[in-house]
Amino acid sequence: MRIELVALYGGPDQVMTVTSGLASVLGLLLLFWNKVVGLFFKIVRKFRPSATPLTSDASKDIPKGTP
């Protein structure tokens, strides 16, 4: 048997530690999911501003009724 393959062996004690850490991170992410998504969209809006202007002047140009 090749000795290099023995060095790559991950026993249950190592694998369970890694999966426990991943589960903890995923649990925290799910607890604060609403905040994480809000932060993500806030960052996206900084880099991609909306195409329509948000000024109140645009509503003055719209006719109020039909002639």
PDB file of N, CA and C in Angstrom:
ATOM      1  N   MET A   1       0.833  -1.184   0.000  1.00  0.00           N
ATOM      2  CA  MET A   1       0.000   0.000   0.000  1.00  0.00           C
ATOM      3  C   MET A   1       0.879   1.249   0.000  1.00  0.00           C
ATOM      4  N   ARG A   2       0.405   2.275  -0.727  1.00  0.00           N
ATOM      5  CA  ARG A   2       1.195   3.502  -0.835  1.00  0.00           C
ATOM      6  C   ARG A   2       0.996   4.368   0.408  1.00  0.00           C
ATOM      7  N   ILE A   3       2.087   4.899   0.922  1.00  0.00           N
ATOM      8  CA  ILE A   3       2.050   5.683   2.159  1.00  0.00           C
ATOM      9  C   ILE A   3       1.365   7.045   1.947  1.00  0.00           C
ATOM     10  N   GLU A   4       1.410   7.566   0.696  1.00  0.00           N
ATOM     11  CA  GLU A   4       0.780   8.862   0.423  1.00  0.00           C
ATOM     12  C   GLU A   4      -0.734   8.806   0.622  1.00  0.00           C
ATOM     13  N   LEU A   5      -1.340   7.672   0.295  1.00  0.00           N
ATOM     14  CA  LEU A   5      -2.786   7.524   0.452  1.00  0.00           C
ATOM     15  C   LEU A   5      -3.202   7.470   1.910  1.00  0.00           C
ATOM     16  N   VAL A   6      -2.350   6.967   2.765  1.00  0.00           N
ATOM     17  CA  VAL A   6      -2.660   6.912   4.192  1.00  0.00           C
ATOM     18  C   VAL A   6      -2.717   8.321   4.767  1.00  0.00           C
ATOM     19  N   ALA A   7      -1.898   9.225   4.254  1.00  0.00           N
ATOM     20  CA  ALA A   7      -1.879  10.596   4.753  1.00  0.00           C
ATOM     21  C   ALA A   7      -3.167  11.331   4.400  1.00  0.00           C
ATOM     22  N   LEU A   8      -3.875  10.901   3.349  1.00  0.00           N
ATOM     23  CA  LEU A   8      -5.114  11.551   2.938  1.00  0.00           C
ATOM     24  C   LEU A   8      -6.345  11.003   3.649  1.00  0.00           C
ATOM     25  N   TYR A   9      -6.169  10.007   4.495  1.00  0.00           N
ATOM     26  CA  TYR A   9      -7.308   9.387   5.163  1.00  0.00           C
ATOM     27  C   TYR A   9      -7.943  10.359   6.147  1.00  0.00           C
ATOM     28  N   GLY A  10      -9.242  10.505   6.075  1.00  0.00           N
ATOM     29  CA  GLY A  10      -9.980  11.309   7.040  1.00  0.00           C
ATOM     30  C   GLY A  10     -10.922  10.417   7.808  1.00  0.00           C
ATOM     31  N   GLY A  11     -10.625  10.197   9.046  1.00  0.00           N
ATOM     32  CA  GLY A  11     -11.456   9.327   9.863  1.00  0.00           C
ATOM     33  C   GLY A  11     -12.702  10.038  10.351  1.00  0.00           C
ATOM     34  N   PRO A  12     -13.567   9.311  11.022  1.00  0.00           N
ATOM     35  CA  PRO A  12     -14.817   9.894  11.503  1.00  0.00           C
ATOM     36  C   PRO A  12     -14.603  11.060  12.467  1.00  0.00           C
ATOM     37  N   ASP A  13     -13.539  11.001  13.252  1.00  0.00           N
ATOM     38  CA  ASP A  13     -13.298  12.090  14.197  1.00  0.00           C
ATOM     39  C   ASP A  13     -12.960  13.398  13.485  1.00  0.00           C
ATOM     40  N   GLN A  14     -12.301  13.334  12.327  1.00  0.00           N
ATOM     41  CA  GLN A  14     -11.999  14.557  11.575  1.00  0.00           C
ATOM     42  C   GLN A  14     -13.187  15.014  10.746  1.00  0.00           C
ATOM     43  N   VAL A  15     -13.888  14.088  10.147  1.00  0.00           N
ATOM     44  CA  VAL A  15     -15.003  14.439   9.270  1.00  0.00           C
ATOM     45  C   VAL A  15     -16.148  15.030  10.079  1.00  0.00           C
ATOM     46  N   MET A  16     -16.453  14.478  11.238  1.00  0.00           N
ATOM     47  CA  MET A  16     -17.547  14.982  12.063  1.00  0.00           C
ATOM     48  C   MET A  16     -17.258  16.395  12.574  1.00  0.00           C
ATOM     49  N   THR A  17     -16.004  16.713  12.843  1.00  0.00           N
ATOM     50  CA  THR A  17     -15.650  18.064  13.281  1.00  0.00           C
ATOM     51  C   THR A  17     -15.913  19.070  12.172  1.00  0.00           C
ATOM     52  N   VAL A  18     -15.531  18.737  10.962  1.00  0.00           N
ATOM     53  CA  VAL A  18     -15.737  19.645   9.824  1.00  0.00           C
ATOM     54  C   VAL A  18     -17.219  19.816   9.533  1.00  0.00           C
ATOM     55  N   THR A  19     -17.982  18.725   9.527  1.00  0.00           N
ATOM     56  CA  THR A  19     -19.411  18.832   9.237  1.00  0.00           C
ATOM     57  C   THR A  19     -20.148  19.573  10.344  1.00  0.00           C
ATOM     58  N   SER A  20     -19.716  19.443  11.572  1.00  0.00           N
ATOM     59  CA  SER A  20     -20.322  20.179  12.677  1.00  0.00           C
ATOM     60  C   SER A  20     -20.080  21.682  12.512  1.00  0.00           C
ATOM     61  N   GLY A  21     -18.891  22.054  12.101  1.00  0.00           N
ATOM     62  CA  GLY A  21     -18.597  23.466  11.848  1.00  0.00           C
ATOM     63  C   GLY A  21     -19.421  24.016  10.702  1.00  0.00           C
ATOM     64  N   LEU A  22     -19.542  23.242   9.629  1.00  0.00           N
ATOM     65  CA  LEU A  22     -20.365  23.683   8.502  1.00  0.00           C
ATOM     66  C   LEU A  22     -21.834  23.828   8.892  1.00  0.00           C
ATOM     67  N   ALA A  23     -22.334  22.907   9.712  1.00  0.00           N
ATOM     68  CA  ALA A  23     -23.719  22.991  10.173  1.00  0.00           C
ATOM     69  C   ALA A  23     -23.934  24.218  11.051  1.00  0.00           C
ATOM     70  N   SER A  24     -22.957  24.576  11.854  1.00  0.00           N
ATOM     71  CA  SER A  24     -23.064  25.773  12.695  1.00  0.00           C
ATOM     72  C   SER A  24     -23.131  27.035  11.848  1.00  0.00           C
ATOM     73  N   VAL A  25     -22.279  27.121  10.835  1.00  0.00           N
ATOM     74  CA  VAL A  25     -22.281  28.286   9.947  1.00  0.00           C
ATOM     75  C   VAL A  25     -23.598  28.371   9.183  1.00  0.00           C
ATOM     76  N   LEU A  26     -24.088  27.254   8.689  1.00  0.00           N
ATOM     77  CA  LEU A  26     -25.356  27.231   7.966  1.00  0.00           C
ATOM     78  C   LEU A  26     -26.511  27.601   8.885  1.00  0.00           C
ATOM     79  N   GLY A  27     -26.489  27.140  10.121  1.00  0.00           N
ATOM     80  CA  GLY A  27     -27.535  27.494  11.080  1.00  0.00           C
ATOM     81  C   GLY A  27     -27.568  28.981  11.369  1.00  0.00           C
ATOM     82  N   LEU A  28     -26.410  29.595  11.558  1.00  0.00           N
ATOM     83  CA  LEU A  28     -26.358  31.045  11.778  1.00  0.00           C
ATOM     84  C   LEU A  28     -26.840  31.810  10.552  1.00  0.00           C
ATOM     85  N   LEU A  29     -26.480  31.319   9.382  1.00  0.00           N
ATOM     86  CA  LEU A  29     -26.936  31.957   8.154  1.00  0.00           C
ATOM     87  C   LEU A  29     -28.452  31.900   8.051  1.00  0.00           C
ATOM     88  N   LEU A  30     -29.041  30.766   8.392  1.00  0.00           N
ATOM     89  CA  LEU A  30     -30.496  30.632   8.319  1.00  0.00           C
ATOM     90  C   LEU A  30     -31.209  31.443   9.396  1.00  0.00           C
ATOM     91  N   LEU A  31     -30.592  31.597  10.566  1.00  0.00           N
ATOM     92  CA  LEU A  31     -31.198  32.415  11.621  1.00  0.00           C
ATOM     93  C   LEU A  31     -31.332  33.870  11.192  1.00  0.00           C
ATOM     94  N   PHE A  32     -30.317  34.377  10.514  1.00  0.00           N
ATOM     95  CA  PHE A  32     -30.303  35.768  10.105  1.00  0.00           C
ATOM     96  C   PHE A  32     -30.490  35.910   8.598  1.00  0.00           C
ATOM     97  N   TRP A  33     -31.246  35.019   7.972  1.00  0.00           N
ATOM     98  CA  TRP A  33     -31.409  35.004   6.519  1.00  0.00           C
ATOM     99  C   TRP A  33     -31.982  36.317   5.995  1.00  0.00           C
ATOM    100  N   ASN A  34     -32.977  36.859   6.668  1.00  0.00           N
ATOM    101  CA  ASN A  34     -33.609  38.098   6.217  1.00  0.00           C
ATOM    102  C   ASN A  34     -32.594  39.247   6.201  1.00  0.00           C
ATOM    103  N   LYS A  35     -31.770  39.320   7.222  1.00  0.00           N
ATOM    104  CA  LYS A  35     -30.741  40.371   7.291  1.00  0.00           C
ATOM    105  C   LYS A  35     -29.673  40.155   6.223  1.00  0.00           C
ATOM    106  N   VAL A  36     -29.297  38.910   5.976  1.00  0.00           N
ATOM    107  CA  VAL A  36     -28.273  38.603   4.974  1.00  0.00           C
ATOM    108  C   VAL A  36     -28.759  38.993   3.582  1.00  0.00           C
ATOM    109  N   VAL A  37     -30.006  38.658   3.261  1.00  0.00           N
ATOM    110  CA  VAL A  37     -30.556  38.997   1.947  1.00  0.00           C
ATOM    111  C   VAL A  37     -30.692  40.508   1.805  1.00  0.00           C
ATOM    112  N   GLY A  38     -31.133  41.193   2.865  1.00  0.00           N
ATOM    113  CA  GLY A  38     -31.233  42.655   2.826  1.00  0.00           C
ATOM    114  C   GLY A  38     -29.893  43.318   2.594  1.00  0.00           C
ATOM    115  N   LEU A  39     -28.865  42.823   3.250  1.00  0.00           N
ATOM    116  CA  LEU A  39     -27.517  43.361   3.065  1.00  0.00           C
ATOM    117  C   LEU A  39     -27.025  43.101   1.646  1.00  0.00           C
ATOM    118  N   PHE A  40     -27.328  41.912   1.114  1.00  0.00           N
ATOM    119  CA  PHE A  40     -26.918  41.578  -0.242  1.00  0.00           C
ATOM    120  C   PHE A  40     -27.544  42.541  -1.250  1.00  0.00           C
ATOM    121  N   PHE A  41     -28.852  42.787  -1.132  1.00  0.00           N
ATOM    122  CA  PHE A  41     -29.514  43.672  -2.081  1.00  0.00           C
ATOM    123  C   PHE A  41     -29.093  45.130  -1.897  1.00  0.00           C
ATOM    124  N   LYS A  42     -28.747  45.514  -0.686  1.00  0.00           N
ATOM    125  CA  LYS A  42     -28.241  46.876  -0.459  1.00  0.00           C
ATOM    126  C   LYS A  42     -26.912  47.070  -1.185  1.00  0.00           C
ATOM    127  N   ILE A  43     -26.048  46.055  -1.131  1.00  0.00           N
ATOM    128  CA  ILE A  43     -24.762  46.125  -1.825  1.00  0.00           C
ATOM    129  C   ILE A  43     -24.966  46.119  -3.336  1.00  0.00           C
ATOM    130  N   VAL A  44     -25.910  45.290  -3.822  1.00  0.00           N
ATOM    131  CA  VAL A  44     -26.175  45.228  -5.260  1.00  0.00           C
ATOM    132  C   VAL A  44     -26.710  46.565  -5.763  1.00  0.00           C
ATOM    133  N   ARG A  45     -27.588  47.216  -4.977  1.00  0.00           N
ATOM    134  CA  ARG A  45     -28.143  48.510  -5.395  1.00  0.00           C
ATOM    135  C   ARG A  45     -27.088  49.600  -5.486  1.00  0.00           C
ATOM    136  N   LYS A  46     -26.019  49.497  -4.700  1.00  0.00           N
ATOM    137  CA  LYS A  46     -24.945  50.495  -4.777  1.00  0.00           C
ATOM    138  C   LYS A  46     -24.203  50.403  -6.107  1.00  0.00           C
ATOM    139  N   PHE A  47     -24.063  49.181  -6.623  1.00  0.00           N
ATOM    140  CA  PHE A  47     -23.329  48.989  -7.863  1.00  0.00           C
ATOM    141  C   PHE A  47     -24.230  49.062  -9.086  1.00  0.00           C
ATOM    142  N   ARG A  48     -25.535  48.802  -8.931  1.00  0.00           N
ATOM    143  CA  ARG A  48     -26.492  48.853 -10.034  1.00  0.00           C
ATOM    144  C   ARG A  48     -27.660  49.740  -9.656  1.00  0.00           C
ATOM    145  N   PRO A  49     -27.530  51.050  -9.851  1.00  0.00           N
ATOM    146  CA  PRO A  49     -28.658  51.924  -9.499  1.00  0.00           C
ATOM    147  C   PRO A  49     -29.841  51.674 -10.422  1.00  0.00           C
ATOM    148  N   SER A  50     -31.028  52.047  -9.959  1.00  0.00           N
ATOM    149  CA  SER A  50     -32.238  51.800 -10.743  1.00  0.00           C
ATOM    150  C   SER A  50     -32.232  52.641 -12.011  1.00  0.00           C
ATOM    151  N   ALA A  51     -32.915  52.154 -13.043  1.00  0.00           N
ATOM    152  CA  ALA A  51     -32.929  52.830 -14.340  1.00  0.00           C
ATOM    153  C   ALA A  51     -33.861  54.041 -14.326  1.00  0.00           C
ATOM    154  N   THR A  52     -34.915  54.009 -13.526  1.00  0.00           N
ATOM    155  CA  THR A  52     -35.851  55.136 -13.473  1.00  0.00           C
ATOM    156  C   THR A  52     -35.475  56.051 -12.327  1.00  0.00           C
ATOM    157  N   PRO A  53     -35.530  57.359 -12.543  1.00  0.00           N
ATOM    158  CA  PRO A  53     -35.217  58.290 -11.461  1.00  0.00           C
ATOM    159  C   PRO A  53     -36.333  58.285 -10.419  1.00  0.00           C
ATOM    160  N   LEU A  54     -35.969  58.505  -9.183  1.00  0.00           N
ATOM    161  CA  LEU A  54     -36.928  58.469  -8.096  1.00  0.00           C
ATOM    162  C   LEU A  54     -37.347  59.871  -7.664  1.00  0.00           C
ATOM    163  N   THR A  55     -37.392  60.812  -8.577  1.00  0.00           N
ATOM    164  CA  THR A  55     -37.771  62.178  -8.242  1.00  0.00           C
ATOM    165  C   THR A  55     -39.272  62.355  -8.359  1.00  0.00           C
ATOM    166  N   SER A  56     -39.786  63.362  -7.678  1.00  0.00           N
ATOM    167  CA  SER A  56     -41.223  63.630  -7.732  1.00  0.00           C
ATOM    168  C   SER A  56     -41.582  64.466  -8.959  1.00  0.00           C
ATOM    169  N   ASP A  57     -40.600  64.982  -9.707  1.00  0.00           N
ATOM    170  CA  ASP A  57     -40.870  65.771 -10.900  1.00  0.00           C
ATOM    171  C   ASP A  57     -41.504  64.942 -12.005  1.00  0.00           C
ATOM    172  N   ALA A  58     -41.248  63.659 -12.025  1.00  0.00           N
ATOM    173  CA  ALA A  58     -41.783  62.798 -13.073  1.00  0.00           C
ATOM    174  C   ALA A  58     -43.303  62.696 -12.966  1.00  0.00           C
ATOM    175  N   SER A  59     -43.857  62.780 -11.766  1.00  0.00           N
ATOM    176  CA  SER A  59     -45.302  62.656 -11.610  1.00  0.00           C
ATOM    177  C   SER A  59     -46.029  63.919 -12.089  1.00  0.00           C
ATOM    178  N   LYS A  60     -45.345  65.072 -12.204  1.00  0.00           N
ATOM    179  CA  LYS A  60     -45.985  66.300 -12.670  1.00  0.00           C
ATOM    180  C   LYS A  60     -46.248  66.256 -14.171  1.00  0.00           C
ATOM    181  N   ASP A  61     -45.462  65.494 -14.929  1.00  0.00           N
ATOM    182  CA  ASP A  61     -45.624  65.423 -16.366  1.00  0.00           C
ATOM    183  C   ASP A  61     -46.747  64.507 -16.790  1.00  0.00           C
ATOM    184  N   ILE A  62     -47.236  63.686 -15.897  1.00  0.00           N
ATOM    185  CA  ILE A  62     -48.296  62.737 -16.252  1.00  0.00           C
ATOM    186  C   ILE A  62     -49.643  63.462 -16.214  1.00  0.00           C
ATOM    187  N   PRO A  63     -50.447  63.351 -17.288  1.00  0.00           N
ATOM    188  CA  PRO A  63     -51.746  64.025 -17.287  1.00  0.00           C
ATOM    189  C   PRO A  63     -52.676  63.409 -16.245  1.00  0.00           C
ATOM    190  N   LYS A  64     -53.496  64.257 -15.622  1.00  0.00           N
ATOM    191  CA  LYS A  64     -54.354  63.811 -14.535  1.00  0.00           C
ATOM    192  C   LYS A  64     -55.591  63.098 -15.019  1.00  0.00           C
ATOM    193  N   GLY A  65     -56.149  63.515 -16.151  1.00  0.00           N
ATOM    194  CA  GLY A  65     -57.383  62.894 -16.620  1.00  0.00           C
ATOM    195  C   GLY A  65     -57.349  62.777 -18.129  1.00  0.00           C
ATOM    196  N   THR A  66     -58.355  62.162 -18.691  1.00  0.00           N
ATOM    197  CA  THR A  66     -58.423  62.047 -20.147  1.00  0.00           C
ATOM    198  C   THR A  66     -59.133  63.261 -20.715  1.00  0.00           C
ATOM    199  N   PRO A  67     -58.650  63.841 -21.835  1.00  0.00           N
ATOM    200  CA  PRO A  67     -59.293  65.041 -22.401  1.00  0.00           C
ATOM    201  C   PRO A  67     -60.587  64.731 -23.101  1.00  0.00           C
TER     202      PRO A  67
END
